[in-house]
Amino acid sequence: MWTEQNNQLQGNFEFNNFVDAFAFMTKVAFAAEKMNHHPNWSNSYNKVAITLFTHDANNTVTEKDIKLAKMIDEIYNK
């Protein structure tokens, strides 16, 4: 689900409708806030695109990003 490109992890998620996509984003927001590590993302109806990288590490992928990506996958697969 995740690809690494240009020092970023990129994931795309698709849902049945806008409400499901928004609920997913809300759950991810709470998880990210607990980690104090926030994704860059966009939403278009039932699709959510997420990009992860660490600003404090010269905008590269770190363990924080990998951990958050795993948490996002867990949320998506529930």
PDB file of N, CA and C in Angstrom:
ATOM      1  N   MET A   1       0.821  -1.197   0.000  1.00  0.00           N
ATOM      2  CA  MET A   1       0.000   0.000   0.000  1.00  0.00           C
ATOM      3  C   MET A   1       0.864   1.259   0.000  1.00  0.00           C
ATOM      4  N   TRP A   2       2.024   1.217   0.638  1.00  0.00           N
ATOM      5  CA  TRP A   2       2.907   2.372   0.702  1.00  0.00           C
ATOM      6  C   TRP A   2       4.031   2.228  -0.316  1.00  0.00           C
ATOM      7  N   THR A   3       4.408   3.353  -0.909  1.00  0.00           N
ATOM      8  CA  THR A   3       5.578   3.389  -1.775  1.00  0.00           C
ATOM      9  C   THR A   3       6.488   4.502  -1.273  1.00  0.00           C
ATOM     10  N   GLU A   4       7.777   4.294  -1.422  1.00  0.00           N
ATOM     11  CA  GLU A   4       8.720   5.340  -1.054  1.00  0.00           C
ATOM     12  C   GLU A   4       9.218   6.000  -2.330  1.00  0.00           C
ATOM     13  N   GLN A   5       9.040   7.308  -2.384  1.00  0.00           N
ATOM     14  CA  GLN A   5       9.415   8.061  -3.569  1.00  0.00           C
ATOM     15  C   GLN A   5       9.837   9.460  -3.147  1.00  0.00           C
ATOM     16  N   ASN A   6      10.978   9.916  -3.644  1.00  0.00           N
ATOM     17  CA  ASN A   6      11.465  11.265  -3.339  1.00  0.00           C
ATOM     18  C   ASN A   6      11.560  11.525  -1.834  1.00  0.00           C
ATOM     19  N   ASN A   7      12.102  10.544  -1.099  1.00  0.00           N
ATOM     20  CA  ASN A   7      12.253  10.656   0.358  1.00  0.00           C
ATOM     21  C   ASN A   7      10.922  10.852   1.081  1.00  0.00           C
ATOM     22  N   GLN A   8       9.862  10.227   0.563  1.00  0.00           N
ATOM     23  CA  GLN A   8       8.546  10.305   1.182  1.00  0.00           C
ATOM     24  C   GLN A   8       7.866   8.950   1.072  1.00  0.00           C
ATOM     25  N   LEU A   9       7.067   8.618   2.085  1.00  0.00           N
ATOM     26  CA  LEU A   9       6.183   7.466   1.982  1.00  0.00           C
ATOM     27  C   LEU A   9       4.852   7.974   1.464  1.00  0.00           C
ATOM     28  N   GLN A  10       4.329   7.309   0.441  1.00  0.00           N
ATOM     29  CA  GLN A  10       3.070   7.735  -0.151  1.00  0.00           C
ATOM     30  C   GLN A  10       2.083   6.571  -0.130  1.00  0.00           C
ATOM     31  N   GLY A  11       0.886   6.858   0.367  1.00  0.00           N
ATOM     32  CA  GLY A  11      -0.157   5.846   0.413  1.00  0.00           C
ATOM     33  C   GLY A  11      -1.468   6.404  -0.109  1.00  0.00           C
ATOM     34  N   ASN A  12      -2.214   5.546  -0.783  1.00  0.00           N
ATOM     35  CA  ASN A  12      -3.530   5.930  -1.309  1.00  0.00           C
ATOM     36  C   ASN A  12      -4.559   4.948  -0.770  1.00  0.00           C
ATOM     37  N   PHE A  13      -5.669   5.486  -0.286  1.00  0.00           N
ATOM     38  CA  PHE A  13      -6.697   4.693   0.355  1.00  0.00           C
ATOM     39  C   PHE A  13      -8.045   5.023  -0.266  1.00  0.00           C
ATOM     40  N   GLU A  14      -8.845   4.003  -0.504  1.00  0.00           N
ATOM     41  CA  GLU A  14     -10.154   4.196  -1.124  1.00  0.00           C
ATOM     42  C   GLU A  14     -11.235   3.589  -0.235  1.00  0.00           C
ATOM     43  N   PHE A  15     -12.377   4.256  -0.191  1.00  0.00           N
ATOM     44  CA  PHE A  15     -13.478   3.875   0.687  1.00  0.00           C
ATOM     45  C   PHE A  15     -14.779   3.813  -0.104  1.00  0.00           C
ATOM     46  N   ASN A  16     -15.822   3.334   0.542  1.00  0.00           N
ATOM     47  CA  ASN A  16     -17.127   3.222  -0.112  1.00  0.00           C
ATOM     48  C   ASN A  16     -17.759   4.580  -0.389  1.00  0.00           C
ATOM     49  N   ASN A  17     -17.459   5.561   0.468  1.00  0.00           N
ATOM     50  CA  ASN A  17     -18.097   6.868   0.328  1.00  0.00           C
ATOM     51  C   ASN A  17     -17.305   7.921   1.100  1.00  0.00           C
ATOM     52  N   PHE A  18     -17.755   9.147   1.033  1.00  0.00           N
ATOM     53  CA  PHE A  18     -17.086  10.259   1.699  1.00  0.00           C
ATOM     54  C   PHE A  18     -17.080  10.101   3.209  1.00  0.00           C
ATOM     55  N   VAL A  19     -18.184   9.647   3.778  1.00  0.00           N
ATOM     56  CA  VAL A  19     -18.279   9.513   5.238  1.00  0.00           C
ATOM     57  C   VAL A  19     -17.241   8.525   5.748  1.00  0.00           C
ATOM     58  N   ASP A  20     -17.067   7.405   5.069  1.00  0.00           N
ATOM     59  CA  ASP A  20     -16.061   6.420   5.480  1.00  0.00           C
ATOM     60  C   ASP A  20     -14.647   6.997   5.361  1.00  0.00           C
ATOM     61  N   ALA A  21     -14.388   7.749   4.302  1.00  0.00           N
ATOM     62  CA  ALA A  21     -13.080   8.374   4.129  1.00  0.00           C
ATOM     63  C   ALA A  21     -12.820   9.388   5.239  1.00  0.00           C
ATOM     64  N   PHE A  22     -13.836  10.165   5.567  1.00  0.00           N
ATOM     65  CA  PHE A  22     -13.674  11.181   6.605  1.00  0.00           C
ATOM     66  C   PHE A  22     -13.487  10.534   7.969  1.00  0.00           C
ATOM     67  N   ALA A  23     -14.200   9.459   8.248  1.00  0.00           N
ATOM     68  CA  ALA A  23     -14.039   8.735   9.518  1.00  0.00           C
ATOM     69  C   ALA A  23     -12.615   8.197   9.644  1.00  0.00           C
ATOM     70  N   PHE A  24     -12.080   7.663   8.559  1.00  0.00           N
ATOM     71  CA  PHE A  24     -10.700   7.178   8.527  1.00  0.00           C
ATOM     72  C   PHE A  24      -9.737   8.319   8.847  1.00  0.00           C
ATOM     73  N   MET A  25      -9.934   9.453   8.212  1.00  0.00           N
ATOM     74  CA  MET A  25      -9.049  10.596   8.443  1.00  0.00           C
ATOM     75  C   MET A  25      -9.116  11.050   9.902  1.00  0.00           C
ATOM     76  N   THR A  26     -10.285  11.002  10.488  1.00  0.00           N
ATOM     77  CA  THR A  26     -10.433  11.391  11.888  1.00  0.00           C
ATOM     78  C   THR A  26      -9.647  10.450  12.787  1.00  0.00           C
ATOM     79  N   LYS A  27      -9.745   9.160  12.547  1.00  0.00           N
ATOM     80  CA  LYS A  27      -8.997   8.179  13.348  1.00  0.00           C
ATOM     81  C   LYS A  27      -7.498   8.367  13.175  1.00  0.00           C
ATOM     82  N   VAL A  28      -7.062   8.605  11.953  1.00  0.00           N
ATOM     83  CA  VAL A  28      -5.641   8.846  11.697  1.00  0.00           C
ATOM     84  C   VAL A  28      -5.194  10.124  12.401  1.00  0.00           C
ATOM     85  N   ALA A  29      -6.021  11.141  12.395  1.00  0.00           N
ATOM     86  CA  ALA A  29      -5.668  12.401  13.051  1.00  0.00           C
ATOM     87  C   ALA A  29      -5.406  12.195  14.536  1.00  0.00           C
ATOM     88  N   PHE A  30      -6.238  11.409  15.205  1.00  0.00           N
ATOM     89  CA  PHE A  30      -6.033  11.143  16.634  1.00  0.00           C
ATOM     90  C   PHE A  30      -4.746  10.359  16.870  1.00  0.00           C
ATOM     91  N   ALA A  31      -4.471   9.363  16.034  1.00  0.00           N
ATOM     92  CA  ALA A  31      -3.245   8.576  16.168  1.00  0.00           C
ATOM     93  C   ALA A  31      -2.015   9.452  15.924  1.00  0.00           C
ATOM     94  N   ALA A  32      -2.072  10.283  14.904  1.00  0.00           N
ATOM     95  CA  ALA A  32      -0.946  11.161  14.579  1.00  0.00           C
ATOM     96  C   ALA A  32      -0.704  12.176  15.690  1.00  0.00           C
ATOM     97  N   GLU A  33      -1.761  12.697  16.256  1.00  0.00           N
ATOM     98  CA  GLU A  33      -1.630  13.671  17.338  1.00  0.00           C
ATOM     99  C   GLU A  33      -0.956  13.042  18.549  1.00  0.00           C
ATOM    100  N   LYS A  34      -1.306  11.803  18.872  1.00  0.00           N
ATOM    101  CA  LYS A  34      -0.669  11.104  19.993  1.00  0.00           C
ATOM    102  C   LYS A  34       0.829  10.945  19.757  1.00  0.00           C
ATOM    103  N   MET A  35       1.215  10.750  18.504  1.00  0.00           N
ATOM    104  CA  MET A  35       2.628  10.602  18.160  1.00  0.00           C
ATOM    105  C   MET A  35       3.320  11.950  17.971  1.00  0.00           C
ATOM    106  N   ASN A  36       2.538  13.011  17.903  1.00  0.00           N
ATOM    107  CA  ASN A  36       3.056  14.337  17.553  1.00  0.00           C
ATOM    108  C   ASN A  36       3.819  14.272  16.225  1.00  0.00           C
ATOM    109  N   HIS A  37       3.211  13.571  15.290  1.00  0.00           N
ATOM    110  CA  HIS A  37       3.799  13.398  13.960  1.00  0.00           C
ATOM    111  C   HIS A  37       2.647  13.406  12.959  1.00  0.00           C
ATOM    112  N   HIS A  38       2.565  14.425  12.150  1.00  0.00           N
ATOM    113  CA  HIS A  38       1.358  14.675  11.372  1.00  0.00           C
ATOM    114  C   HIS A  38       1.573  14.472   9.876  1.00  0.00           C
ATOM    115  N   PRO A  39       0.620  13.812   9.226  1.00  0.00           N
ATOM    116  CA  PRO A  39       0.757  13.546   7.790  1.00  0.00           C
ATOM    117  C   PRO A  39       0.386  14.754   6.936  1.00  0.00           C
ATOM    118  N   ASN A  40       0.882  14.748   5.732  1.00  0.00           N
ATOM    119  CA  ASN A  40       0.361  15.623   4.683  1.00  0.00           C
ATOM    120  C   ASN A  40      -0.642  14.764   3.942  1.00  0.00           C
ATOM    121  N   TRP A  41      -1.843  15.291   3.693  1.00  0.00           N
ATOM    122  CA  TRP A  41      -2.842  14.458   3.047  1.00  0.00           C
ATOM    123  C   TRP A  41      -3.848  15.280   2.279  1.00  0.00           C
ATOM    124  N   SER A  42      -4.590  14.570   1.449  1.00  0.00           N
ATOM    125  CA  SER A  42      -5.682  15.204   0.724  1.00  0.00           C
ATOM    126  C   SER A  42      -6.823  14.201   0.628  1.00  0.00           C
ATOM    127  N   ASN A  43      -8.009  14.741   0.437  1.00  0.00           N
ATOM    128  CA  ASN A  43      -9.215  13.921   0.354  1.00  0.00           C
ATOM    129  C   ASN A  43     -10.053  14.406  -0.818  1.00  0.00           C
ATOM    130  N   SER A  44     -10.497  13.462  -1.633  1.00  0.00           N
ATOM    131  CA  SER A  44     -11.419  13.754  -2.709  1.00  0.00           C
ATOM    132  C   SER A  44     -12.495  12.680  -2.690  1.00  0.00           C
ATOM    133  N   TYR A  45     -13.662  13.058  -2.218  1.00  0.00           N
ATOM    134  CA  TYR A  45     -14.811  12.176  -2.031  1.00  0.00           C
ATOM    135  C   TYR A  45     -14.437  10.914  -1.257  1.00  0.00           C
ATOM    136  N   ASN A  46     -14.196   9.795  -1.909  1.00  0.00           N
ATOM    137  CA  ASN A  46     -13.945   8.548  -1.193  1.00  0.00           C
ATOM    138  C   ASN A  46     -12.468   8.141  -1.221  1.00  0.00           C
ATOM    139  N   LYS A  47     -11.601   9.060  -1.601  1.00  0.00           N
ATOM    140  CA  LYS A  47     -10.173   8.752  -1.699  1.00  0.00           C
ATOM    141  C   LYS A  47      -9.370   9.657  -0.770  1.00  0.00           C
ATOM    142  N   VAL A  48      -8.371   9.041  -0.119  1.00  0.00           N
ATOM    143  CA  VAL A  48      -7.462   9.778   0.758  1.00  0.00           C
ATOM    144  C   VAL A  48      -6.039   9.461   0.310  1.00  0.00           C
ATOM    145  N   ALA A  49      -5.265  10.489   0.037  1.00  0.00           N
ATOM    146  CA  ALA A  49      -3.850  10.337  -0.306  1.00  0.00           C
ATOM    147  C   ALA A  49      -3.033  10.883   0.854  1.00  0.00           C
ATOM    148  N   ILE A  50      -2.070  10.085   1.323  1.00  0.00           N
ATOM    149  CA  ILE A  50      -1.255  10.472   2.477  1.00  0.00           C
ATOM    150  C   ILE A  50       0.213  10.434   2.087  1.00  0.00           C
ATOM    151  N   THR A  51       0.936  11.467   2.505  1.00  0.00           N
ATOM    152  CA  THR A  51       2.382  11.530   2.322  1.00  0.00           C
ATOM    153  C   THR A  51       3.022  11.721   3.692  1.00  0.00           C
ATOM    154  N   LEU A  52       4.012  10.876   3.980  1.00  0.00           N
ATOM    155  CA  LEU A  52       4.702  10.939   5.263  1.00  0.00           C
ATOM    156  C   LEU A  52       6.179  11.220   5.046  1.00  0.00           C
ATOM    157  N   PHE A  53       6.703  12.152   5.822  1.00  0.00           N
ATOM    158  CA  PHE A  53       8.131  12.427   5.908  1.00  0.00           C
ATOM    159  C   PHE A  53       8.345  13.249   7.162  1.00  0.00           C
ATOM    160  N   THR A  54       9.582  13.315   7.622  1.00  0.00           N
ATOM    161  CA  THR A  54       9.873  13.995   8.883  1.00  0.00           C
ATOM    162  C   THR A  54      10.556  15.329   8.605  1.00  0.00           C
ATOM    163  N   HIS A  55       9.890  16.389   8.984  1.00  0.00           N
ATOM    164  CA  HIS A  55      10.418  17.737   8.767  1.00  0.00           C
ATOM    165  C   HIS A  55      11.747  17.932   9.504  1.00  0.00           C
ATOM    166  N   ASP A  56      11.818  17.404  10.730  1.00  0.00           N
ATOM    167  CA  ASP A  56      13.013  17.592  11.557  1.00  0.00           C
ATOM    168  C   ASP A  56      14.221  16.816  11.042  1.00  0.00           C
ATOM    169  N   ALA A  57      14.026  15.932  10.093  1.00  0.00           N
ATOM    170  CA  ALA A  57      15.121  15.127   9.551  1.00  0.00           C
ATOM    171  C   ALA A  57      15.341  15.467   8.072  1.00  0.00           C
ATOM    172  N   ASN A  58      15.320  16.748   7.798  1.00  0.00           N
ATOM    173  CA  ASN A  58      15.538  17.236   6.425  1.00  0.00           C
ATOM    174  C   ASN A  58      14.547  16.642   5.428  1.00  0.00           C
ATOM    175  N   ASN A  59      13.295  16.487   5.876  1.00  0.00           N
ATOM    176  CA  ASN A  59      12.221  16.013   5.002  1.00  0.00           C
ATOM    177  C   ASN A  59      12.523  14.645   4.379  1.00  0.00           C
ATOM    178  N   THR A  60      12.987  13.722   5.227  1.00  0.00           N
ATOM    179  CA  THR A  60      13.239  12.351   4.782  1.00  0.00           C
ATOM    180  C   THR A  60      12.376  11.390   5.582  1.00  0.00           C
ATOM    181  N   VAL A  61      12.344  10.152   5.159  1.00  0.00           N
ATOM    182  CA  VAL A  61      11.584   9.118   5.854  1.00  0.00           C
ATOM    183  C   VAL A  61      12.398   8.623   7.049  1.00  0.00           C
ATOM    184  N   THR A  62      11.743   8.587   8.214  1.00  0.00           N
ATOM    185  CA  THR A  62      12.375   8.105   9.438  1.00  0.00           C
ATOM    186  C   THR A  62      11.514   7.018  10.063  1.00  0.00           C
ATOM    187  N   GLU A  63      11.981   6.506  11.185  1.00  0.00           N
ATOM    188  CA  GLU A  63      11.213   5.497  11.932  1.00  0.00           C
ATOM    189  C   GLU A  63       9.838   6.035  12.322  1.00  0.00           C
ATOM    190  N   LYS A  64       9.742   7.329  12.596  1.00  0.00           N
ATOM    191  CA  LYS A  64       8.439   7.929  12.928  1.00  0.00           C
ATOM    192  C   LYS A  64       7.440   7.708  11.790  1.00  0.00           C
ATOM    193  N   ASP A  65       7.901   7.889  10.575  1.00  0.00           N
ATOM    194  CA  ASP A  65       7.022   7.729   9.415  1.00  0.00           C
ATOM    195  C   ASP A  65       6.609   6.272   9.237  1.00  0.00           C
ATOM    196  N   ILE A  66       7.552   5.381   9.413  1.00  0.00           N
ATOM    197  CA  ILE A  66       7.261   3.958   9.274  1.00  0.00           C
ATOM    198  C   ILE A  66       6.266   3.519  10.343  1.00  0.00           C
ATOM    199  N   LYS A  67       6.459   3.995  11.566  1.00  0.00           N
ATOM    200  CA  LYS A  67       5.535   3.665  12.660  1.00  0.00           C
ATOM    201  C   LYS A  67       4.136   4.210  12.368  1.00  0.00           C
ATOM    202  N   LEU A  68       4.053   5.452  11.912  1.00  0.00           N
ATOM    203  CA  LEU A  68       2.745   6.031  11.607  1.00  0.00           C
ATOM    204  C   LEU A  68       2.098   5.306  10.431  1.00  0.00           C
ATOM    205  N   ALA A  69       2.877   4.936   9.428  1.00  0.00           N
ATOM    206  CA  ALA A  69       2.332   4.197   8.291  1.00  0.00           C
ATOM    207  C   ALA A  69       1.719   2.872   8.753  1.00  0.00           C
ATOM    208  N   LYS A  70       2.383   2.188   9.669  1.00  0.00           N
ATOM    209  CA  LYS A  70       1.845   0.928  10.202  1.00  0.00           C
ATOM    210  C   LYS A  70       0.549   1.167  10.967  1.00  0.00           C
ATOM    211  N   MET A  71       0.506   2.245  11.739  1.00  0.00           N
ATOM    212  CA  MET A  71      -0.722   2.573  12.469  1.00  0.00           C
ATOM    213  C   MET A  71      -1.856   2.895  11.499  1.00  0.00           C
ATOM    214  N   ILE A  72      -1.547   3.622  10.439  1.00  0.00           N
ATOM    215  CA  ILE A  72      -2.556   3.960   9.428  1.00  0.00           C
ATOM    216  C   ILE A  72      -3.074   2.692   8.775  1.00  0.00           C
ATOM    217  N   ASP A  73      -2.184   1.757   8.446  1.00  0.00           N
ATOM    218  CA  ASP A  73      -2.611   0.482   7.861  1.00  0.00           C
ATOM    219  C   ASP A  73      -3.545  -0.275   8.800  1.00  0.00           C
ATOM    220  N   GLU A  74      -3.222  -0.277  10.089  1.00  0.00           N
ATOM    221  CA  GLU A  74      -4.080  -0.944  11.074  1.00  0.00           C
ATOM    222  C   GLU A  74      -5.467  -0.302  11.099  1.00  0.00           C
ATOM    223  N   ILE A  75      -5.518   1.013  11.074  1.00  0.00           N
ATOM    224  CA  ILE A  75      -6.798   1.719  11.074  1.00  0.00           C
ATOM    225  C   ILE A  75      -7.578   1.380   9.803  1.00  0.00           C
ATOM    226  N   TYR A  76      -6.900   1.382   8.685  1.00  0.00           N
ATOM    227  CA  TYR A  76      -7.554   1.100   7.397  1.00  0.00           C
ATOM    228  C   TYR A  76      -8.089  -0.328   7.328  1.00  0.00           C
ATOM    229  N   ASN A  77      -7.371  -1.263   7.891  1.00  0.00           N
ATOM    230  CA  ASN A  77      -7.741  -2.677   7.788  1.00  0.00           C
ATOM    231  C   ASN A  77      -8.735  -3.144   8.843  1.00  0.00           C
ATOM    232  N   LYS A  78      -9.147  -2.256   9.739  1.00  0.00           N
ATOM    233  CA  LYS A  78     -10.148  -2.643  10.757  1.00  0.00           C
ATOM    234  C   LYS A  78     -11.526  -2.709  10.161  1.00  0.00           C
TER     235      LYS A  78
END
